[in-house]
Amino acid sequence: MEYVKIKGFNISKYTLGTVQLGMKYGIANKTGKPGLSESFNILSTAVQAGVNSFDTSLHYEESEKVLGMFFAEEKNLAGMVNKPVITTKFKTGMEEGASPVEIEKKMRECAGISLEHLKINKIPVYLLHDPKELYKHGKILADVMKRLKDEGIIEIAGASVYTCEEACEVLKYDVYEAIQLPINAFDSRFIKSGVLKKLQDAGMLVFARTIFLQGLFFLDPAELKGNLADAGEYLVILNKLAEREGISTAQLALSYIRDMDGITSLVVGAETAGQVKENITLMNGPAISEKTRNEMLNLFENVPLHVLVPSMWKLG
């Protein structure tokens, strides 16, 4: 497993996304939420492969609790060369105009619940889960994050974003040192806008999510329904590029992001231990040619926004 040294951490290039351990998630999810035994098997498989980075959220139902129970067992920490780096997230849910006292109380409450769920004394990476709150409560959030850091409740503060504009908002505050963003073969907004380069220059810890566009890349182009049918022609191109490279579509999609400058770690979830093993194999897979990399930037520049953003998908 490859690791990245950044912000005092040694972070595996593969971050196991654990939303699936708390709730059913993903358009290609065929198995639903795994039971506790299978969840432990998924986590153990990742740890044994050298993964030490795990992504969760207070809002992923049982996910934090599953992680907490797993790492509370000493045997599951045995053999880990690098300590676990757990990233969790929170929302205040406060409307614009809420008082600083109310917002801070809510943030501390959320952090306390996450610490209890995860059974740890300090949150390694703490992200704002709803980037709209950056606009509603920007300075208040940043000030409280700094206090939480100074008090040893969190190690690194950051935010999870959807757009380039939100990422630029994060960059306005020095306290934020980590960011999670959507980026994949179809979605080059952060690359072409220069925002990814700005994040890299700022020394940000950058987690890349939706590498496989929530499983869309694994679907049959001919069977897509609703407004996702508009993704069909681009999936055909993606599959042909993979065939030309002599690799799977999954390998093409993952290698494209894995080897991109400015990306710290790839957040990829799994519903089974077998999928973790498959993802580890992909993480150790070959690079793609510069020719294909450059072509991908141009061939997918017109993918519709409603394909890139899962919340806009209409399958009916």
C-alpha atoms as a PDB file:
ATOM      1  CA  MET A   1       0.000   0.000   0.000  1.00  0.00           C
ATOM      2  CA  GLU A   2       1.281   3.434  -0.926  1.00  0.00           C
ATOM      3  CA  TYR A   3       1.176   6.144   1.756  1.00  0.00           C
ATOM      4  CA  VAL A   4       1.268   9.915   1.637  1.00  0.00           C
ATOM      5  CA  LYS A   5       3.023  11.873   4.402  1.00  0.00           C
ATOM      6  CA  ILE A   6       1.085  15.056   5.015  1.00  0.00           C
ATOM      7  CA  LYS A   7       0.027  17.212   7.982  1.00  0.00           C
ATOM      8  CA  GLY A   8       1.772  14.890  10.440  1.00  0.00           C
ATOM      9  CA  PHE A   9      -0.070  11.826   9.146  1.00  0.00           C
ATOM     10  CA  ASN A  10       1.002   8.838   7.103  1.00  0.00           C
ATOM     11  CA  ILE A  11      -2.182   8.257   5.092  1.00  0.00           C
ATOM     12  CA  SER A  12      -2.856   5.285   2.845  1.00  0.00           C
ATOM     13  CA  LYS A  13      -3.553   6.239  -0.738  1.00  0.00           C
ATOM     14  CA  TYR A  14      -6.756   4.220  -0.404  1.00  0.00           C
ATOM     15  CA  THR A  15      -9.335   5.523   2.065  1.00  0.00           C
ATOM     16  CA  LEU A  16     -12.076   3.020   2.788  1.00  0.00           C
ATOM     17  CA  GLY A  17     -15.427   4.767   2.533  1.00  0.00           C
ATOM     18  CA  THR A  18     -17.753   3.325   5.164  1.00  0.00           C
ATOM     19  CA  VAL A  19     -21.117   4.869   4.341  1.00  0.00           C
ATOM     20  CA  GLN A  20     -22.128   1.398   3.105  1.00  0.00           C
ATOM     21  CA  LEU A  21     -21.496  -0.016   6.582  1.00  0.00           C
ATOM     22  CA  GLY A  22     -24.181   2.230   7.988  1.00  0.00           C
ATOM     23  CA  MET A  23     -26.807   2.369   5.264  1.00  0.00           C
ATOM     24  CA  LYS A  24     -27.627   1.183   1.742  1.00  0.00           C
ATOM     25  CA  TYR A  25     -25.794   3.451  -0.667  1.00  0.00           C
ATOM     26  CA  GLY A  26     -24.884   3.633  -4.363  1.00  0.00           C
ATOM     27  CA  ILE A  27     -26.775   3.028  -7.581  1.00  0.00           C
ATOM     28  CA  ALA A  28     -24.901  -0.251  -8.204  1.00  0.00           C
ATOM     29  CA  ASN A  29     -25.350  -1.567  -4.657  1.00  0.00           C
ATOM     30  CA  LYS A  30     -26.888  -5.040  -4.971  1.00  0.00           C
ATOM     31  CA  THR A  31     -26.324  -6.337  -1.435  1.00  0.00           C
ATOM     32  CA  GLY A  32     -27.628  -3.574   0.846  1.00  0.00           C
ATOM     33  CA  LYS A  33     -26.081  -2.752   4.214  1.00  0.00           C
ATOM     34  CA  PRO A  34     -23.850  -5.602   5.453  1.00  0.00           C
ATOM     35  CA  GLY A  35     -24.339  -7.137   8.880  1.00  0.00           C
ATOM     36  CA  LEU A  36     -21.860  -6.457  11.690  1.00  0.00           C
ATOM     37  CA  SER A  37     -19.836  -9.613  11.045  1.00  0.00           C
ATOM     38  CA  GLU A  38     -19.436  -8.801   7.354  1.00  0.00           C
ATOM     39  CA  SER A  39     -18.684  -5.157   8.214  1.00  0.00           C
ATOM     40  CA  PHE A  40     -15.847  -6.318  10.476  1.00  0.00           C
ATOM     41  CA  ASN A  41     -14.657  -8.613   7.695  1.00  0.00           C
ATOM     42  CA  ILE A  42     -14.615  -5.653   5.284  1.00  0.00           C
ATOM     43  CA  LEU A  43     -12.637  -3.511   7.735  1.00  0.00           C
ATOM     44  CA  SER A  44     -10.241  -6.342   8.615  1.00  0.00           C
ATOM     45  CA  THR A  45      -9.551  -7.037   4.942  1.00  0.00           C
ATOM     46  CA  ALA A  46      -8.702  -3.376   4.411  1.00  0.00           C
ATOM     47  CA  VAL A  47      -6.437  -3.194   7.481  1.00  0.00           C
ATOM     48  CA  GLN A  48      -4.584  -6.362   6.503  1.00  0.00           C
ATOM     49  CA  ALA A  49      -3.900  -4.810   3.095  1.00  0.00           C
ATOM     50  CA  GLY A  50      -2.339  -1.740   4.728  1.00  0.00           C
ATOM     51  CA  VAL A  51      -5.295   0.644   4.606  1.00  0.00           C
ATOM     52  CA  ASN A  52      -5.222   3.023   7.588  1.00  0.00           C
ATOM     53  CA  SER A  53      -7.572   5.765   6.341  1.00  0.00           C
ATOM     54  CA  PHE A  54     -11.323   5.483   6.899  1.00  0.00           C
ATOM     55  CA  ASP A  55     -14.102   7.901   5.945  1.00  0.00           C
ATOM     56  CA  THR A  56     -17.373   8.154   7.832  1.00  0.00           C
ATOM     57  CA  SER A  57     -19.916  10.688   9.080  1.00  0.00           C
ATOM     58  CA  LEU A  58     -22.218  11.291  12.005  1.00  0.00           C
ATOM     59  CA  HIS A  59     -24.981  11.195   9.378  1.00  0.00           C
ATOM     60  CA  TYR A  60     -24.177   7.743   7.928  1.00  0.00           C
ATOM     61  CA  GLU A  61     -26.530   6.064  10.408  1.00  0.00           C
ATOM     62  CA  GLU A  62     -24.560   3.210  12.095  1.00  0.00           C
ATOM     63  CA  SER A  63     -21.244   3.751  10.294  1.00  0.00           C
ATOM     64  CA  GLU A  64     -19.354   5.541  13.087  1.00  0.00           C
ATOM     65  CA  LYS A  65     -20.497   2.972  15.650  1.00  0.00           C
ATOM     66  CA  VAL A  66     -19.298   0.087  13.489  1.00  0.00           C
ATOM     67  CA  LEU A  67     -15.858   1.685  13.138  1.00  0.00           C
ATOM     68  CA  GLY A  68     -15.729   2.380  16.861  1.00  0.00           C
ATOM     69  CA  MET A  69     -16.560  -1.204  17.779  1.00  0.00           C
ATOM     70  CA  PHE A  70     -14.027  -2.565  15.306  1.00  0.00           C
ATOM     71  CA  PHE A  71     -11.064  -0.477  16.436  1.00  0.00           C
ATOM     72  CA  ALA A  72     -11.956  -0.922  20.109  1.00  0.00           C
ATOM     73  CA  GLU A  73     -10.782  -4.520  19.732  1.00  0.00           C
ATOM     74  CA  GLU A  74      -7.001  -4.611  20.149  1.00  0.00           C
ATOM     75  CA  LYS A  75      -6.637  -7.566  17.790  1.00  0.00           C
ATOM     76  CA  ASN A  76      -7.914  -5.400  14.945  1.00  0.00           C
ATOM     77  CA  LEU A  77      -5.105  -2.890  15.521  1.00  0.00           C
ATOM     78  CA  ALA A  78      -2.415  -5.563  15.615  1.00  0.00           C
ATOM     79  CA  GLY A  79      -0.032  -5.357  12.700  1.00  0.00           C
ATOM     80  CA  MET A  80      -1.044  -1.833  11.682  1.00  0.00           C
ATOM     81  CA  VAL A  81       2.174  -0.025  10.763  1.00  0.00           C
ATOM     82  CA  ASN A  82       0.426   3.337  10.719  1.00  0.00           C
ATOM     83  CA  LYS A  83      -2.249   4.388  13.202  1.00  0.00           C
ATOM     84  CA  PRO A  84      -5.829   4.682  11.909  1.00  0.00           C
ATOM     85  CA  VAL A  85      -6.728   8.041  10.383  1.00  0.00           C
ATOM     86  CA  ILE A  86     -10.485   8.428  10.716  1.00  0.00           C
ATOM     87  CA  THR A  87     -12.252  11.219   8.883  1.00  0.00           C
ATOM     88  CA  THR A  88     -15.746  12.019  10.081  1.00  0.00           C
ATOM     89  CA  LYS A  89     -18.183  14.788   9.244  1.00  0.00           C
ATOM     90  CA  PHE A  90     -20.945  16.867  10.816  1.00  0.00           C
ATOM     91  CA  LYS A  91     -23.724  19.325   9.997  1.00  0.00           C
ATOM     92  CA  THR A  92     -25.029  21.980  12.367  1.00  0.00           C
ATOM     93  CA  GLY A  93     -28.381  22.259  10.603  1.00  0.00           C
ATOM     94  CA  MET A  94     -28.550  25.866  11.796  1.00  0.00           C
ATOM     95  CA  GLU A  95     -30.294  28.451   9.675  1.00  0.00           C
ATOM     96  CA  GLU A  96     -28.674  31.722   8.656  1.00  0.00           C
ATOM     97  CA  GLY A  97     -28.748  34.170  11.543  1.00  0.00           C
ATOM     98  CA  ALA A  98     -28.233  31.539  14.243  1.00  0.00           C
ATOM     99  CA  SER A  99     -26.124  32.880  17.095  1.00  0.00           C
ATOM    100  CA  PRO A 100     -22.442  31.961  17.482  1.00  0.00           C
ATOM    101  CA  VAL A 101     -23.288  30.406  20.872  1.00  0.00           C
ATOM    102  CA  GLU A 102     -25.927  28.124  19.340  1.00  0.00           C
ATOM    103  CA  ILE A 103     -23.635  27.069  16.493  1.00  0.00           C
ATOM    104  CA  GLU A 104     -20.726  26.329  18.804  1.00  0.00           C
ATOM    105  CA  LYS A 105     -22.961  24.340  21.133  1.00  0.00           C
ATOM    106  CA  LYS A 106     -24.161  22.226  18.197  1.00  0.00           C
ATOM    107  CA  MET A 107     -20.632  21.673  16.850  1.00  0.00           C
ATOM    108  CA  ARG A 108     -19.385  20.546  20.237  1.00  0.00           C
ATOM    109  CA  GLU A 109     -22.393  18.280  20.618  1.00  0.00           C
ATOM    110  CA  CYS A 110     -21.741  16.676  17.226  1.00  0.00           C
ATOM    111  CA  ALA A 111     -18.037  16.219  17.972  1.00  0.00           C
ATOM    112  CA  GLY A 112     -18.857  14.665  21.337  1.00  0.00           C
ATOM    113  CA  ILE A 113     -21.260  12.158  19.770  1.00  0.00           C
ATOM    114  CA  SER A 114     -18.711  11.199  17.105  1.00  0.00           C
ATOM    115  CA  LEU A 115     -15.981  10.719  19.731  1.00  0.00           C
ATOM    116  CA  GLU A 116     -18.349   8.471  21.686  1.00  0.00           C
ATOM    117  CA  HIS A 117     -19.352   6.472  18.613  1.00  0.00           C
ATOM    118  CA  LEU A 118     -15.759   6.082  17.428  1.00  0.00           C
ATOM    119  CA  LYS A 119     -14.445   5.364  20.937  1.00  0.00           C
ATOM    120  CA  ILE A 120     -11.503   7.758  20.503  1.00  0.00           C
ATOM    121  CA  ASN A 121     -10.204  10.825  22.362  1.00  0.00           C
ATOM    122  CA  LYS A 122      -9.467  13.016  19.353  1.00  0.00           C
ATOM    123  CA  ILE A 123     -10.937  13.162  15.853  1.00  0.00           C
ATOM    124  CA  PRO A 124      -8.063  12.953  13.328  1.00  0.00           C
ATOM    125  CA  VAL A 125      -9.884  14.737  10.472  1.00  0.00           C
ATOM    126  CA  TYR A 126     -13.135  16.621  11.082  1.00  0.00           C
ATOM    127  CA  LEU A 127     -15.056  17.891   8.068  1.00  0.00           C
ATOM    128  CA  LEU A 128     -18.061  20.132   7.658  1.00  0.00           C
ATOM    129  CA  HIS A 129     -20.525  17.902   5.799  1.00  0.00           C
ATOM    130  CA  ASP A 130     -22.786  20.585   4.296  1.00  0.00           C
ATOM    131  CA  PRO A 131     -20.757  23.183   2.353  1.00  0.00           C
ATOM    132  CA  LYS A 132     -23.758  25.524   2.211  1.00  0.00           C
ATOM    133  CA  GLU A 133     -23.008  26.250   5.850  1.00  0.00           C
ATOM    134  CA  LEU A 134     -19.748  27.872   4.743  1.00  0.00           C
ATOM    135  CA  TYR A 135     -21.867  30.701   3.337  1.00  0.00           C
ATOM    136  CA  LYS A 136     -24.323  30.817   6.231  1.00  0.00           C
ATOM    137  CA  HIS A 137     -21.874  30.681   9.128  1.00  0.00           C
ATOM    138  CA  GLY A 138     -18.388  30.938   7.582  1.00  0.00           C
ATOM    139  CA  LYS A 139     -16.344  32.787  10.208  1.00  0.00           C
ATOM    140  CA  ILE A 140     -18.226  31.288  13.156  1.00  0.00           C
ATOM    141  CA  LEU A 141     -17.526  27.750  11.930  1.00  0.00           C
ATOM    142  CA  ALA A 142     -13.857  28.546  11.335  1.00  0.00           C
ATOM    143  CA  ASP A 143     -13.477  30.117  14.783  1.00  0.00           C
ATOM    144  CA  VAL A 144     -15.053  27.130  16.524  1.00  0.00           C
ATOM    145  CA  MET A 145     -12.979  24.693  14.473  1.00  0.00           C
ATOM    146  CA  LYS A 146      -9.867  26.518  15.674  1.00  0.00           C
ATOM    147  CA  ARG A 147     -10.983  26.240  19.284  1.00  0.00           C
ATOM    148  CA  LEU A 148     -11.736  22.531  18.870  1.00  0.00           C
ATOM    149  CA  LYS A 149      -8.264  22.075  17.434  1.00  0.00           C
ATOM    150  CA  ASP A 150      -6.580  24.129  20.164  1.00  0.00           C
ATOM    151  CA  GLU A 151      -8.418  22.101  22.810  1.00  0.00           C
ATOM    152  CA  GLY A 152      -7.252  18.799  21.313  1.00  0.00           C
ATOM    153  CA  ILE A 153     -10.735  17.638  20.337  1.00  0.00           C
ATOM    154  CA  ILE A 154      -9.792  17.461  16.647  1.00  0.00           C
ATOM    155  CA  GLU A 155      -6.458  17.310  14.826  1.00  0.00           C
ATOM    156  CA  ILE A 156      -7.323  18.658  11.393  1.00  0.00           C
ATOM    157  CA  ALA A 157     -10.336  20.705  10.299  1.00  0.00           C
ATOM    158  CA  GLY A 158     -11.795  20.763   6.825  1.00  0.00           C
ATOM    159  CA  ALA A 159     -14.896  20.534   4.680  1.00  0.00           C
ATOM    160  CA  SER A 160     -16.596  18.271   2.198  1.00  0.00           C
ATOM    161  CA  VAL A 161     -17.586  20.170  -0.943  1.00  0.00           C
ATOM    162  CA  TYR A 162     -19.400  19.661  -4.239  1.00  0.00           C
ATOM    163  CA  THR A 163     -18.289  22.627  -6.342  1.00  0.00           C
ATOM    164  CA  CYS A 164     -15.209  24.650  -7.198  1.00  0.00           C
ATOM    165  CA  GLU A 165     -16.818  27.723  -5.670  1.00  0.00           C
ATOM    166  CA  GLU A 166     -17.268  25.930  -2.347  1.00  0.00           C
ATOM    167  CA  ALA A 167     -13.640  24.797  -2.426  1.00  0.00           C
ATOM    168  CA  CYS A 168     -12.536  28.407  -2.924  1.00  0.00           C
ATOM    169  CA  GLU A 169     -14.674  29.385   0.069  1.00  0.00           C
ATOM    170  CA  VAL A 170     -12.804  26.819   2.169  1.00  0.00           C
ATOM    171  CA  LEU A 171      -9.492  28.344   1.077  1.00  0.00           C
ATOM    172  CA  LYS A 172     -10.497  31.679   2.618  1.00  0.00           C
ATOM    173  CA  TYR A 173      -9.969  30.288   6.132  1.00  0.00           C
ATOM    174  CA  ASP A 174      -6.523  29.262   7.383  1.00  0.00           C
ATOM    175  CA  VAL A 175      -7.934  26.757   9.874  1.00  0.00           C
ATOM    176  CA  TYR A 176      -9.029  24.388   7.123  1.00  0.00           C
ATOM    177  CA  GLU A 177      -6.308  21.941   6.097  1.00  0.00           C
ATOM    178  CA  ALA A 178      -8.371  19.166   4.527  1.00  0.00           C
ATOM    179  CA  ILE A 179     -11.016  18.919   1.865  1.00  0.00           C
ATOM    180  CA  GLN A 180     -13.079  16.171   0.258  1.00  0.00           C
ATOM    181  CA  LEU A 181     -14.341  16.680  -3.278  1.00  0.00           C
ATOM    182  CA  PRO A 182     -15.967  14.808  -6.166  1.00  0.00           C
ATOM    183  CA  ILE A 183     -13.684  14.023  -9.075  1.00  0.00           C
ATOM    184  CA  ASN A 184     -13.700  11.245 -11.647  1.00  0.00           C
ATOM    185  CA  ALA A 185     -13.186  10.414 -15.302  1.00  0.00           C
ATOM    186  CA  PHE A 186     -16.334  12.346 -16.287  1.00  0.00           C
ATOM    187  CA  ASP A 187     -15.918  15.221 -13.845  1.00  0.00           C
ATOM    188  CA  SER A 188     -12.888  17.454 -14.429  1.00  0.00           C
ATOM    189  CA  ARG A 189     -14.325  20.679 -13.029  1.00  0.00           C
ATOM    190  CA  PHE A 190     -11.708  20.938 -10.273  1.00  0.00           C
ATOM    191  CA  ILE A 191      -8.900  20.287 -12.746  1.00  0.00           C
ATOM    192  CA  LYS A 192      -9.873  22.621 -15.550  1.00  0.00           C
ATOM    193  CA  SER A 193     -10.779  25.472 -13.183  1.00  0.00           C
ATOM    194  CA  GLY A 194      -7.342  25.333 -11.586  1.00  0.00           C
ATOM    195  CA  VAL A 195      -8.889  24.810  -8.143  1.00  0.00           C
ATOM    196  CA  LEU A 196      -7.162  21.463  -7.590  1.00  0.00           C
ATOM    197  CA  LYS A 197      -3.826  23.194  -8.226  1.00  0.00           C
ATOM    198  CA  LYS A 198      -4.752  25.928  -5.709  1.00  0.00           C
ATOM    199  CA  LEU A 199      -5.546  23.284  -3.099  1.00  0.00           C
ATOM    200  CA  GLN A 200      -2.247  21.557  -3.809  1.00  0.00           C
ATOM    201  CA  ASP A 201      -0.325  24.829  -3.547  1.00  0.00           C
ATOM    202  CA  ALA A 202      -2.037  25.500  -0.204  1.00  0.00           C
ATOM    203  CA  GLY A 203      -0.771  22.163   1.097  1.00  0.00           C
ATOM    204  CA  MET A 204      -4.288  20.830   1.590  1.00  0.00           C
ATOM    205  CA  LEU A 205      -5.004  17.208   2.366  1.00  0.00           C
ATOM    206  CA  VAL A 206      -7.295  16.305  -0.558  1.00  0.00           C
ATOM    207  CA  PHE A 207      -9.646  13.320  -0.405  1.00  0.00           C
ATOM    208  CA  ALA A 208     -11.151  12.392  -3.769  1.00  0.00           C
ATOM    209  CA  ARG A 209     -14.601  10.787  -3.765  1.00  0.00           C
ATOM    210  CA  THR A 210     -17.068   9.450  -6.377  1.00  0.00           C
ATOM    211  CA  ILE A 211     -14.175   7.867  -8.275  1.00  0.00           C
ATOM    212  CA  PHE A 212     -16.646   5.507  -9.941  1.00  0.00           C
ATOM    213  CA  LEU A 213     -19.483   8.066  -9.897  1.00  0.00           C
ATOM    214  CA  GLN A 214     -21.373   6.045  -7.266  1.00  0.00           C
ATOM    215  CA  GLY A 215     -21.189   2.922  -9.408  1.00  0.00           C
ATOM    216  CA  LEU A 216     -22.466   4.494 -12.633  1.00  0.00           C
ATOM    217  CA  PHE A 217     -19.301   3.408 -14.467  1.00  0.00           C
ATOM    218  CA  PHE A 218     -20.202  -0.240 -13.891  1.00  0.00           C
ATOM    219  CA  LEU A 219     -23.661  -0.100 -15.474  1.00  0.00           C
ATOM    220  CA  ASP A 220     -24.656  -1.163 -18.968  1.00  0.00           C
ATOM    221  CA  PRO A 221     -24.983   2.000 -21.121  1.00  0.00           C
ATOM    222  CA  ALA A 222     -27.945   0.442 -22.958  1.00  0.00           C
ATOM    223  CA  GLU A 223     -29.905  -0.070 -19.746  1.00  0.00           C
ATOM    224  CA  LEU A 224     -29.658   3.438 -18.285  1.00  0.00           C
ATOM    225  CA  LYS A 225     -33.007   5.086 -17.593  1.00  0.00           C
ATOM    226  CA  GLY A 226     -34.361   8.571 -16.964  1.00  0.00           C
ATOM    227  CA  ASN A 227     -31.917  11.424 -17.346  1.00  0.00           C
ATOM    228  CA  LEU A 228     -29.030   9.005 -16.760  1.00  0.00           C
ATOM    229  CA  ALA A 229     -29.578   7.779 -20.304  1.00  0.00           C
ATOM    230  CA  ASP A 230     -27.555  10.871 -21.248  1.00  0.00           C
ATOM    231  CA  ALA A 231     -24.506   9.160 -19.725  1.00  0.00           C
ATOM    232  CA  GLY A 232     -24.720   6.270 -22.195  1.00  0.00           C
ATOM    233  CA  GLU A 233     -22.586   7.706 -24.990  1.00  0.00           C
ATOM    234  CA  TYR A 234     -19.862   8.707 -22.526  1.00  0.00           C
ATOM    235  CA  LEU A 235     -19.814   5.283 -20.880  1.00  0.00           C
ATOM    236  CA  VAL A 236     -19.306   3.736 -24.312  1.00  0.00           C
ATOM    237  CA  ILE A 237     -16.288   6.010 -24.842  1.00  0.00           C
ATOM    238  CA  LEU A 238     -14.920   5.208 -21.376  1.00  0.00           C
ATOM    239  CA  ASN A 239     -15.217   1.476 -22.022  1.00  0.00           C
ATOM    240  CA  LYS A 240     -13.461   1.812 -25.391  1.00  0.00           C
ATOM    241  CA  LEU A 241     -10.585   3.763 -23.833  1.00  0.00           C
ATOM    242  CA  ALA A 242     -10.164   1.055 -21.217  1.00  0.00           C
ATOM    243  CA  GLU A 243     -10.174  -1.601 -23.911  1.00  0.00           C
ATOM    244  CA  ARG A 244      -7.501   0.306 -25.831  1.00  0.00           C
ATOM    245  CA  GLU A 245      -5.362   0.521 -22.687  1.00  0.00           C
ATOM    246  CA  GLY A 246      -5.824  -3.206 -22.138  1.00  0.00           C
ATOM    247  CA  ILE A 247      -7.350  -2.697 -18.679  1.00  0.00           C
ATOM    248  CA  SER A 248     -10.774  -2.740 -17.082  1.00  0.00           C
ATOM    249  CA  THR A 249     -12.995   0.322 -16.974  1.00  0.00           C
ATOM    250  CA  ALA A 250     -12.633   0.278 -13.181  1.00  0.00           C
ATOM    251  CA  GLN A 251      -8.832   0.323 -13.473  1.00  0.00           C
ATOM    252  CA  LEU A 252      -8.927   3.157 -15.978  1.00  0.00           C
ATOM    253  CA  ALA A 253     -11.207   5.245 -13.763  1.00  0.00           C
ATOM    254  CA  LEU A 254      -9.199   4.631 -10.617  1.00  0.00           C
ATOM    255  CA  SER A 255      -5.714   5.025 -12.114  1.00  0.00           C
ATOM    256  CA  TYR A 256      -6.773   8.302 -13.717  1.00  0.00           C
ATOM    257  CA  ILE A 257      -7.466   9.848 -10.294  1.00  0.00           C
ATOM    258  CA  ARG A 258      -4.880   7.906  -8.267  1.00  0.00           C
ATOM    259  CA  ASP A 259      -1.967   9.325 -10.243  1.00  0.00           C
ATOM    260  CA  MET A 260      -3.261  12.889 -10.425  1.00  0.00           C
ATOM    261  CA  ASP A 261      -1.154  15.634  -8.848  1.00  0.00           C
ATOM    262  CA  GLY A 262      -2.741  17.134  -5.748  1.00  0.00           C
ATOM    263  CA  ILE A 263      -4.779  14.085  -4.721  1.00  0.00           C
ATOM    264  CA  THR A 264      -3.874  12.683  -1.292  1.00  0.00           C
ATOM    265  CA  SER A 265      -6.195   9.693  -0.993  1.00  0.00           C
ATOM    266  CA  LEU A 266      -9.076   8.063  -2.867  1.00  0.00           C
ATOM    267  CA  VAL A 267     -12.284   7.427  -0.931  1.00  0.00           C
ATOM    268  CA  VAL A 268     -13.769   4.196  -2.247  1.00  0.00           C
ATOM    269  CA  GLY A 269     -16.468   2.237  -0.458  1.00  0.00           C
ATOM    270  CA  ALA A 270     -17.285  -1.459  -0.447  1.00  0.00           C
ATOM    271  CA  GLU A 271     -20.245  -3.649   0.433  1.00  0.00           C
ATOM    272  CA  THR A 272     -18.202  -6.862   0.704  1.00  0.00           C
ATOM    273  CA  ALA A 273     -14.687  -7.950   1.646  1.00  0.00           C
ATOM    274  CA  GLY A 274     -14.315  -9.181  -1.922  1.00  0.00           C
ATOM    275  CA  GLN A 275     -14.863  -5.655  -3.201  1.00  0.00           C
ATOM    276  CA  VAL A 276     -12.156  -4.388  -0.846  1.00  0.00           C
ATOM    277  CA  LYS A 277      -9.737  -6.919  -2.333  1.00  0.00           C
ATOM    278  CA  GLU A 278     -10.747  -5.828  -5.827  1.00  0.00           C
ATOM    279  CA  ASN A 279     -10.143  -2.186  -4.889  1.00  0.00           C
ATOM    280  CA  ILE A 280      -6.722  -3.038  -3.429  1.00  0.00           C
ATOM    281  CA  THR A 281      -5.835  -4.772  -6.688  1.00  0.00           C
ATOM    282  CA  LEU A 282      -6.919  -1.675  -8.598  1.00  0.00           C
ATOM    283  CA  MET A 283      -4.882   0.567  -6.292  1.00  0.00           C
ATOM    284  CA  ASN A 284      -1.830  -1.528  -7.141  1.00  0.00           C
ATOM    285  CA  GLY A 285      -2.700  -1.605 -10.839  1.00  0.00           C
ATOM    286  CA  PRO A 286      -0.936   0.036 -13.783  1.00  0.00           C
ATOM    287  CA  ALA A 287      -0.856   3.694 -14.705  1.00  0.00           C
ATOM    288  CA  ILE A 288      -2.604   4.846 -17.876  1.00  0.00           C
ATOM    289  CA  SER A 289      -0.801   6.400 -20.819  1.00  0.00           C
ATOM    290  CA  GLU A 290      -0.382  10.155 -21.044  1.00  0.00           C
ATOM    291  CA  LYS A 291      -2.186  10.006 -24.385  1.00  0.00           C
ATOM    292  CA  THR A 292      -5.302   8.523 -22.800  1.00  0.00           C
ATOM    293  CA  ARG A 293      -5.073  10.832 -19.777  1.00  0.00           C
ATOM    294  CA  ASN A 294      -5.025  13.896 -22.035  1.00  0.00           C
ATOM    295  CA  GLU A 295      -7.835  12.552 -24.204  1.00  0.00           C
ATOM    296  CA  MET A 296     -10.038  11.958 -21.175  1.00  0.00           C
ATOM    297  CA  LEU A 297      -9.822  15.620 -20.200  1.00  0.00           C
ATOM    298  CA  ASN A 298     -11.238  16.600 -23.582  1.00  0.00           C
ATOM    299  CA  LEU A 299     -13.601  13.740 -24.428  1.00  0.00           C
ATOM    300  CA  PHE A 300     -15.644  14.177 -21.265  1.00  0.00           C
ATOM    301  CA  GLU A 301     -15.706  17.957 -20.965  1.00  0.00           C
ATOM    302  CA  ASN A 302     -19.356  18.127 -22.104  1.00  0.00           C
ATOM    303  CA  VAL A 303     -20.848  15.482 -19.822  1.00  0.00           C
ATOM    304  CA  PRO A 304     -24.120  17.065 -18.567  1.00  0.00           C
ATOM    305  CA  LEU A 305     -24.171  18.347 -14.994  1.00  0.00           C
ATOM    306  CA  HIS A 306     -27.189  16.168 -14.199  1.00  0.00           C
ATOM    307  CA  VAL A 307     -25.008  13.139 -14.903  1.00  0.00           C
ATOM    308  CA  LEU A 308     -22.101  14.391 -12.789  1.00  0.00           C
ATOM    309  CA  VAL A 309     -24.231  15.184  -9.737  1.00  0.00           C
ATOM    310  CA  PRO A 310     -25.982  12.125  -8.227  1.00  0.00           C
ATOM    311  CA  SER A 311     -28.524  14.269  -6.390  1.00  0.00           C
ATOM    312  CA  MET A 312     -29.813  15.356  -9.825  1.00  0.00           C
ATOM    313  CA  TRP A 313     -30.315  11.815 -11.099  1.00  0.00           C
ATOM    314  CA  LYS A 314     -33.890  10.952 -12.132  1.00  0.00           C
ATOM    315  CA  LEU A 315     -34.212   7.260 -12.852  1.00  0.00           C
ATOM    316  CA  GLY A 316     -37.914   7.180 -13.672  1.00  0.00           C
END
